[in-house]
């Protein structure tokens, strides 16, 4: 071998792998920490961000039952039918390059996460698509639905009392609902019509004119955006029909266990959302805490899920959510460009967070509960129980701490 070539080979071996080939860190059960300085973050400015997250606590009461009846509970049929739990202190943590660099409050506390639940729901739909159980998200949901037998432990004694009541529930059999696709449901552009678990679609965030609630003309699926939990719950029931297994079991097996989540999270449905499927009682879960229930989870597990989405659905050597699915989830919805799939909120044109990069996104629920994901800065931030008006100020200081490290 030529001496110069030999010397070059020795130098390359001594230098080790190039920076671009450095392995991405994924946490195991014990999540490694780094100091802010080690992660390229100015600790003084980071403290300002955390102080704002704490002092900017939501003004809503910590008694979430009281909070419910001061807000959504005032809507028609707005009474809670799922569990509600008092919340804890403002809480959060910062993850940079996969390492925890800061935490505050009580990150181990299991709290309601409200509509962040929708991101877990869309993920189990995503796994079904990736596995071919749903051939295309542009297919009508009706093609995948069987009639649903709702479990009724207290049937009417006089059967004539339910003479005009159907024995089976059909979610997608009206002329309007037959046209609805999985994509429409995932983007909240379906305008699905009906009543599910005692909650009419029109009663969720109703318009200002009661005369229009039941008489308005339906929007063609895909043409109008409306955030509506009754329709989200219809998607959850449709996904249960595809999987033929309780969705919490599916989520645990396909997402939460592979990312090393704890065993303390729980995904609840409603007291009346039980069906009989394949001869087995199963509870259809909710897409949030609008009527109670939803995902109860700690901040560390939220951060793991956020890190999975930061890594475009990959965890170590496994692609848990396909690149194609994550790309679709991050594609703006026509009628609402700051929304992708539920609940992937997008910073399109800097509209949601002026201080954050345009390609930043977040999984957000009432509270505010937020998993902020920033590919430009290789960053995940979990912020719980912060006033929504304080979010951009928090992000401004957090990103300044990275830029001025």
Protein backbone atom coordinates (compact mmCIF):
# COMPACT_ATOMS: atom_id res chain seq x y z
CA UNK A 1 0.00 0.00 0.00
CA UNK A 2 1.21 3.51 -0.83
CA UNK A 3 2.56 5.20 2.32
CA UNK A 4 0.47 8.36 1.83
CA UNK A 5 -2.72 6.32 1.44
CA UNK A 6 -1.78 4.32 4.55
CA UNK A 7 -1.19 7.50 6.56
CA UNK A 8 -4.53 8.95 5.42
CA UNK A 9 -6.32 5.75 6.45
CA UNK A 10 -4.73 5.91 9.91
CA UNK A 11 -5.84 9.53 10.32
CA UNK A 12 -9.42 8.69 9.33
CA UNK A 13 -9.57 5.81 11.82
CA UNK A 14 -8.17 8.01 14.60
CA UNK A 15 -10.64 10.80 13.80
CA UNK A 16 -13.65 8.51 14.22
CA UNK A 17 -16.94 8.82 12.35
CA UNK A 18 -17.83 12.15 10.75
CA UNK A 19 -20.19 14.44 12.65
CA UNK A 20 -23.04 13.77 10.22
CA UNK A 21 -22.83 10.07 11.04
CA UNK A 22 -23.09 10.59 14.79
CA UNK A 23 -25.85 8.49 16.30
CA UNK A 24 -29.10 10.12 17.35
CA UNK A 25 -29.71 9.67 21.06
CA UNK A 26 -32.95 7.99 22.14
CA UNK A 27 -33.75 7.65 25.84
CA UNK A 28 -34.07 4.25 27.48
CA UNK A 29 -35.95 3.74 30.76
CA UNK A 30 -33.46 6.07 32.46
CA UNK A 31 -33.59 9.31 30.49
CA UNK A 32 -30.18 10.98 30.45
CA UNK A 33 -29.80 14.63 31.41
CA UNK A 34 -27.44 17.36 30.26
CA UNK A 35 -26.93 20.80 31.67
CA UNK A 36 -28.34 23.63 29.55
CA UNK A 37 -24.79 24.74 28.70
CA UNK A 38 -23.86 21.23 27.53
CA UNK A 39 -26.91 21.29 25.24
CA UNK A 40 -26.08 24.72 23.82
CA UNK A 41 -28.61 26.68 25.86
CA UNK A 42 -27.98 29.85 27.84
CA UNK A 43 -29.06 28.93 31.40
CA UNK A 44 -29.94 32.48 32.47
CA UNK A 45 -32.30 33.10 29.55
CA UNK A 46 -33.72 29.58 29.89
CA UNK A 47 -34.60 30.40 33.51
CA UNK A 48 -36.53 33.44 32.26
CA UNK A 49 -38.57 31.17 29.99
CA UNK A 50 -39.32 28.72 32.80
CA UNK A 51 -40.22 31.55 35.18
CA UNK A 52 -42.72 32.79 32.61
CA UNK A 53 -44.20 29.30 32.22
CA UNK A 54 -44.78 29.25 35.99
CA UNK A 55 -46.01 32.81 36.49
CA UNK A 56 -48.07 32.56 33.30
CA UNK A 57 -50.21 29.82 34.81
CA UNK A 58 -53.67 29.48 33.31
CA UNK A 59 -56.33 31.51 35.09
CA UNK A 60 -58.76 28.58 35.04
CA UNK A 61 -59.38 26.95 38.45
CA UNK A 62 -57.46 23.85 39.44
CA UNK A 63 -60.80 22.22 40.23
CA UNK A 64 -61.42 20.94 36.70
CA UNK A 65 -64.98 19.85 37.45
CA UNK A 66 -65.75 23.45 38.33
CA UNK A 67 -63.80 24.60 35.28
CA UNK A 68 -65.85 22.26 33.08
CA UNK A 69 -69.18 23.70 34.22
CA UNK A 70 -67.86 27.22 33.79
CA UNK A 71 -66.96 26.49 30.15
CA UNK A 72 -67.97 23.50 28.00
CA UNK A 73 -70.49 22.31 30.57
CA UNK A 74 -72.66 25.32 29.75
CA UNK A 75 -73.25 24.08 26.19
CA UNK A 76 -76.40 22.08 25.34
CA UNK A 77 -75.98 18.52 26.67
CA UNK A 78 -72.63 19.67 28.06
CA UNK A 79 -72.70 17.63 31.27
CA UNK A 80 -69.65 15.42 31.88
CA UNK A 81 -69.94 11.70 31.15
CA UNK A 82 -66.27 10.81 31.64
CA UNK A 83 -63.90 11.18 34.61
CA UNK A 84 -62.43 14.57 35.47
CA UNK A 85 -59.46 15.07 37.79
CA UNK A 86 -58.16 18.18 39.52
CA UNK A 87 -54.95 19.44 37.92
CA UNK A 88 -51.53 20.06 39.40
CA UNK A 89 -48.98 22.88 39.35
CA UNK A 90 -47.57 24.42 36.18
CA UNK A 91 -45.23 21.72 34.93
CA UNK A 92 -42.90 21.08 32.03
CA UNK A 93 -39.59 19.94 30.71
CA UNK A 94 -37.18 20.80 27.90
CA UNK A 95 -35.52 18.19 25.67
CA UNK A 96 -32.61 19.17 23.39
CA UNK A 97 -30.88 16.66 21.11
CA UNK A 98 -32.85 14.00 23.00
CA UNK A 99 -31.51 14.89 26.46
CA UNK A 100 -33.51 16.45 29.28
CA UNK A 101 -31.97 19.84 30.03
CA UNK A 102 -34.61 21.37 32.33
CA UNK A 103 -37.77 20.44 34.21
CA UNK A 104 -40.15 22.17 36.60
CA UNK A 105 -43.30 21.43 38.56
CA UNK A 106 -44.16 17.76 38.95
CA UNK A 107 -43.37 15.95 35.66
CA UNK A 108 -44.32 12.57 37.15
CA UNK A 109 -47.86 13.70 37.98
CA UNK A 110 -50.53 12.03 35.85
CA UNK A 111 -52.94 14.75 34.72
CA UNK A 112 -55.59 15.18 32.08
CA UNK A 113 -54.05 16.28 28.82
CA UNK A 114 -57.34 17.11 27.11
CA UNK A 115 -57.06 17.37 23.31
CA UNK A 116 -53.45 16.21 23.12
CA UNK A 117 -55.39 12.92 23.25
CA UNK A 118 -56.32 13.56 19.61
CA UNK A 119 -52.69 13.13 18.56
CA UNK A 120 -52.67 9.66 20.13
CA UNK A 121 -55.97 8.86 18.40
CA UNK A 122 -54.70 9.93 14.99
CA UNK A 123 -51.55 7.87 15.61
CA UNK A 124 -53.47 4.61 16.03
CA UNK A 125 -55.30 5.46 12.80
CA UNK A 126 -51.87 6.08 11.24
CA UNK A 127 -50.61 2.67 12.29
CA UNK A 128 -53.73 1.11 10.75
CA UNK A 129 -52.99 2.93 7.48
CA UNK A 130 -49.31 1.93 7.56
CA UNK A 131 -50.33 -1.72 8.03
CA UNK A 132 -52.86 -1.64 5.21
CA UNK A 133 -55.85 -2.11 7.52
CA UNK A 134 -57.07 1.17 6.04
CA UNK A 135 -56.10 1.13 2.39
CA UNK A 136 -56.17 4.90 1.89
CA UNK A 137 -57.12 7.86 4.04
CA UNK A 138 -59.03 9.11 1.01
CA UNK A 139 -61.40 6.12 1.28
CA UNK A 140 -64.89 6.75 2.67
CA UNK A 141 -65.04 5.72 6.33
CA UNK A 142 -68.37 4.03 5.58
CA UNK A 143 -66.53 1.29 3.63
CA UNK A 144 -64.88 0.14 6.87
CA UNK A 145 -67.84 0.35 9.22
CA UNK A 146 -70.09 -2.42 10.48
CA UNK A 147 -73.27 -1.73 12.46
CA UNK A 148 -72.42 -1.02 16.10
CA UNK A 149 -74.19 -2.75 18.97
CA UNK A 150 -74.22 -0.35 21.91
CA UNK A 151 -74.12 -2.10 25.28
CA UNK A 152 -77.23 -1.31 27.28
CA UNK A 153 -77.14 -2.85 30.75
CA UNK A 154 -80.61 -1.46 31.60
CA UNK A 155 -82.90 -2.12 28.63
CA UNK A 156 -86.45 -0.81 28.67
CA UNK A 157 -88.80 -3.20 30.47
CA UNK A 158 -91.58 -2.50 27.98
CA UNK A 159 -90.07 -3.21 24.55
CA UNK A 160 -92.73 -1.08 22.89
CA UNK A 161 -90.99 1.96 24.45
CA UNK A 162 -88.15 1.51 21.97
CA UNK A 163 -90.23 0.43 19.01
CA UNK A 164 -88.94 3.29 16.83
CA UNK A 165 -85.37 3.04 18.11
CA UNK A 166 -82.88 1.16 15.91
CA UNK A 167 -81.16 -1.84 17.46
CA UNK A 168 -77.82 -0.96 15.88
CA UNK A 169 -75.86 2.28 15.53
CA UNK A 170 -74.80 3.34 12.01
CA UNK A 171 -72.44 6.32 11.98
CA UNK A 172 -71.93 6.87 8.27
CA UNK A 173 -75.18 5.93 6.56
CA UNK A 174 -76.79 9.32 5.92
CA UNK A 175 -76.34 10.75 2.39
CA UNK A 176 -73.93 13.36 3.79
CA UNK A 177 -71.95 11.02 6.04
CA UNK A 178 -71.45 8.43 3.28
CA UNK A 179 -69.10 10.85 1.50
CA UNK A 180 -66.84 11.46 4.51
CA UNK A 181 -63.27 10.14 4.19
CA UNK A 182 -60.72 9.28 6.85
CA UNK A 183 -58.82 12.41 5.80
CA UNK A 184 -61.91 14.56 6.42
CA UNK A 185 -62.28 13.09 9.91
CA UNK A 186 -58.59 13.49 10.72
CA UNK A 187 -58.62 17.14 9.65
CA UNK A 188 -61.96 18.01 11.31
CA UNK A 189 -63.44 19.00 7.95
CA UNK A 190 -66.10 16.27 7.79
CA UNK A 191 -69.16 18.17 9.11
CA UNK A 192 -70.31 14.73 10.27
CA UNK A 193 -73.95 14.80 11.36
CA UNK A 194 -75.45 12.78 14.15
CA UNK A 195 -75.56 12.09 17.87
CA UNK A 196 -73.03 9.91 19.67
CA UNK A 197 -72.93 9.03 23.37
CA UNK A 198 -75.80 11.45 23.95
CA UNK A 199 -73.95 14.40 22.41
CA UNK A 200 -75.41 15.87 19.17
CA UNK A 201 -72.80 17.26 16.79
CA UNK A 202 -74.53 20.66 16.79
CA UNK A 203 -74.35 20.94 20.59
CA UNK A 204 -70.53 20.96 20.66
CA UNK A 205 -69.35 24.58 20.39
CA UNK A 206 -72.74 25.65 18.97
CA UNK A 207 -73.12 28.71 16.79
CA UNK A 208 -74.63 31.96 18.07
CA UNK A 209 -78.05 31.42 16.46
CA UNK A 210 -79.98 28.50 18.03
CA UNK A 211 -82.39 28.45 15.07
CA UNK A 212 -79.52 27.29 12.86
CA UNK A 213 -78.31 24.46 15.09
CA UNK A 214 -80.43 21.72 13.53
CA UNK A 215 -81.48 23.33 10.24
CA UNK A 216 -78.34 24.64 8.55
CA UNK A 217 -77.15 23.21 5.24
CA UNK A 218 -74.24 20.78 5.66
CA UNK A 219 -70.84 21.70 4.22
CA UNK A 220 -69.43 19.31 1.64
CA UNK A 221 -66.82 17.13 3.40
CA UNK A 222 -63.37 18.69 3.15
CA UNK A 223 -64.55 22.25 2.54
CA UNK A 224 -65.05 23.66 6.06
CA UNK A 225 -63.10 23.25 9.31
CA UNK A 226 -64.86 22.93 12.68
CA UNK A 227 -63.24 21.77 15.90
CA UNK A 228 -65.80 19.33 17.26
CA UNK A 229 -65.32 16.57 19.83
CA UNK A 230 -68.48 14.64 18.95
CA UNK A 231 -67.01 14.08 15.49
CA UNK A 232 -63.65 13.16 17.00
CA UNK A 233 -65.42 10.53 19.10
CA UNK A 234 -67.05 9.20 15.93
CA UNK A 235 -63.54 8.75 14.51
CA UNK A 236 -62.48 6.90 17.66
CA UNK A 237 -65.43 4.51 17.29
CA UNK A 238 -64.62 4.00 13.61
CA UNK A 239 -60.99 3.21 14.49
CA UNK A 240 -62.18 0.72 17.12
CA UNK A 241 -64.18 -1.04 14.41
CA UNK A 242 -61.06 -1.30 12.24
CA UNK A 243 -58.79 -2.60 14.99
CA UNK A 244 -61.46 -4.74 16.72
CA UNK A 245 -59.44 -4.18 19.89
CA UNK A 246 -59.60 -1.45 22.55
CA UNK A 247 -57.56 1.49 21.28
CA UNK A 248 -55.56 1.90 24.54
CA UNK A 249 -54.22 -1.63 23.99
CA UNK A 250 -53.33 -0.76 20.40
CA UNK A 251 -51.59 2.46 21.46
CA UNK A 252 -49.64 0.68 24.20
CA UNK A 253 -48.40 -2.05 21.87
CA UNK A 254 -47.62 0.05 18.79
CA UNK A 255 -46.45 3.39 20.23
CA UNK A 256 -46.13 3.75 23.99
CA UNK A 257 -44.19 0.59 24.86
CA UNK A 258 -41.71 1.01 21.97
CA UNK A 259 -40.91 4.60 23.03
CA UNK A 260 -40.37 3.52 26.63
CA UNK A 261 -43.38 5.28 28.13
CA UNK A 262 -44.30 4.55 31.72
CA UNK A 263 -47.15 2.30 32.77
CA UNK A 264 -49.03 5.14 34.45
CA UNK A 265 -50.91 6.67 31.52
CA UNK A 266 -54.59 5.85 31.03
CA UNK A 267 -56.95 6.53 28.12
CA UNK A 268 -60.57 6.76 29.26
CA UNK A 269 -63.88 6.71 27.47
CA UNK A 270 -67.33 7.61 28.76
CA UNK A 271 -69.63 5.84 31.18
CA UNK A 272 -71.99 5.13 28.26
CA UNK A 273 -69.47 4.51 25.44
CA UNK A 274 -69.47 0.72 25.74
CA UNK A 275 -70.19 -1.53 22.75
CA UNK A 276 -70.34 -5.27 22.12
CA UNK A 277 -67.76 -6.25 19.49
CA UNK A 278 -66.99 -9.86 18.59
CA UNK A 279 -68.90 -10.94 21.69
CA UNK A 280 -66.73 -8.80 23.99
CA UNK A 281 -67.50 -5.60 25.84
CA UNK A 282 -65.21 -2.78 24.73
CA UNK A 283 -65.15 0.88 25.65
CA UNK A 284 -64.79 3.38 22.84
CA UNK A 285 -62.36 6.02 24.08
CA UNK A 286 -62.63 9.76 23.70
CA UNK A 287 -60.56 12.20 21.70
CA UNK A 288 -60.19 14.62 24.59
CA UNK A 289 -61.59 15.85 27.89
CA UNK A 290 -64.41 17.98 26.45
CA UNK A 291 -67.00 15.83 28.25
CA UNK A 292 -64.48 14.25 30.65
CA UNK A 293 -62.18 11.32 29.99
CA UNK A 294 -59.39 11.28 27.42
CA UNK A 295 -55.69 10.70 28.01
CA UNK A 296 -54.30 10.98 31.54
CA UNK A 297 -50.51 11.11 31.31
CA UNK A 298 -47.34 12.52 32.86
CA UNK A 299 -45.02 15.07 31.26
CA UNK A 300 -42.20 12.59 30.63
CA UNK A 301 -44.47 10.38 28.53
CA UNK A 302 -45.74 13.42 26.66
CA UNK A 303 -42.13 14.37 25.91
CA UNK A 304 -41.38 10.87 24.60
CA UNK A 305 -44.30 11.12 22.20
CA UNK A 306 -43.14 14.58 21.13
CA UNK A 307 -39.64 13.24 20.54
CA UNK A 308 -41.10 10.47 18.37
CA UNK A 309 -42.80 13.08 16.19
CA UNK A 310 -39.62 15.21 16.14
CA UNK A 311 -37.82 12.15 14.75
CA UNK A 312 -40.51 11.80 12.07
CA UNK A 313 -42.07 8.68 13.55
CA UNK A 314 -38.81 6.80 14.13
CA UNK A 315 -37.65 5.42 17.48
CA UNK A 316 -34.19 3.88 17.50
CA UNK A 317 -34.24 1.31 14.68
CA UNK A 318 -38.04 1.15 14.30
CA UNK A 319 -40.30 3.31 12.16
CA UNK A 320 -43.40 3.39 14.38
CA UNK A 321 -45.19 5.91 12.17
CA UNK A 322 -44.22 6.00 8.51
CA UNK A 323 -42.57 8.99 6.88
CA UNK A 324 -45.58 9.20 4.59
CA UNK A 325 -47.96 9.41 7.55
CA UNK A 326 -45.97 12.11 9.35
CA UNK A 327 -45.70 14.09 6.10
CA UNK A 328 -49.49 13.97 5.73
CA UNK A 329 -49.99 14.91 9.38
CA UNK A 330 -47.80 17.98 8.82
CA UNK A 331 -49.60 19.03 5.62
CA UNK A 332 -51.79 22.11 6.21
CA UNK A 333 -55.54 21.64 5.97
CA UNK A 334 -57.08 23.74 3.18
CA UNK A 335 -59.79 25.50 5.21
CA UNK A 336 -57.49 25.84 8.25
CA UNK A 337 -53.78 26.01 7.29
CA UNK A 338 -52.59 25.91 10.93
CA UNK A 339 -54.07 22.43 11.36
CA UNK A 340 -52.75 19.14 10.02
CA UNK A 341 -54.11 15.86 11.29
CA UNK A 342 -55.63 15.97 14.75
CA UNK A 343 -53.98 17.31 16.85
CA UNK A 344 -50.92 18.50 14.95
CA UNK A 345 -51.02 22.31 15.05
CA UNK A 346 -48.79 23.97 12.46
CA UNK A 347 -47.05 27.35 12.57
CA UNK A 348 -48.02 28.15 8.99
CA UNK A 349 -46.92 31.71 8.13
CA UNK A 350 -45.92 32.15 11.81
CA UNK A 351 -49.62 32.54 12.60
CA UNK A 352 -49.73 30.58 15.87
CA UNK A 353 -46.37 31.56 17.39
CA UNK A 354 -44.68 34.57 15.76
CA UNK A 355 -41.46 33.89 17.67
CA UNK A 356 -41.09 30.26 16.50
CA UNK A 357 -39.83 28.81 13.21
CA UNK A 358 -42.42 28.33 10.51
CA UNK A 359 -41.89 24.55 10.49
CA UNK A 360 -42.43 24.18 14.26
CA UNK A 361 -45.53 22.27 15.27
CA UNK A 362 -47.27 21.21 18.46
CA UNK A 363 -49.74 18.79 19.97
CA UNK A 364 -52.09 21.00 21.98
CA UNK A 365 -54.95 20.49 24.41
CA UNK A 366 -57.03 22.69 26.66
CA UNK A 367 -55.32 23.84 29.79
CA UNK A 368 -53.06 24.78 27.98
CA UNK A 369 -51.32 21.41 27.63
CA UNK A 370 -48.72 21.59 24.88
CA UNK A 371 -45.99 19.46 23.34
CA UNK A 372 -43.93 21.90 21.26
CA UNK A 373 -41.76 20.31 18.57
CA UNK A 374 -39.05 22.31 16.79
CA UNK A 375 -36.99 20.50 14.11
CA UNK A 376 -34.81 23.57 13.45
CA UNK A 377 -33.52 23.55 17.03
CA UNK A 378 -33.79 19.77 17.64
CA UNK A 379 -36.07 20.65 20.52
CA UNK A 380 -39.13 19.35 22.36
CA UNK A 381 -40.81 21.32 25.14
CA UNK A 382 -43.71 20.13 27.29
CA UNK A 383 -45.62 22.98 28.90
CA UNK A 384 -48.61 22.20 31.10
CA UNK A 385 -51.19 24.57 32.59
CA UNK A 386 -49.90 27.74 30.94
CA UNK A 387 -52.19 30.53 29.81
CA UNK A 388 -52.39 30.44 26.03
CA UNK A 389 -51.47 34.13 25.85
CA UNK A 390 -48.14 33.38 27.55
CA UNK A 391 -47.08 30.63 25.12
CA UNK A 392 -45.36 32.81 22.51
CA UNK A 393 -43.49 34.73 25.20
CA UNK A 394 -42.25 31.43 26.62
CA UNK A 395 -41.12 30.26 23.18
CA UNK A 396 -39.46 33.60 22.45
CA UNK A 397 -37.30 33.30 25.58
CA UNK A 398 -36.61 29.59 25.08
CA UNK A 399 -35.38 30.10 21.52
CA UNK A 400 -33.39 33.17 22.55
CA UNK A 401 -31.63 30.98 25.11
CA UNK A 402 -30.51 28.69 22.28
CA UNK A 403 -29.52 31.50 19.89
CA UNK A 404 -27.51 33.28 22.61
CA UNK A 405 -25.78 30.29 24.14
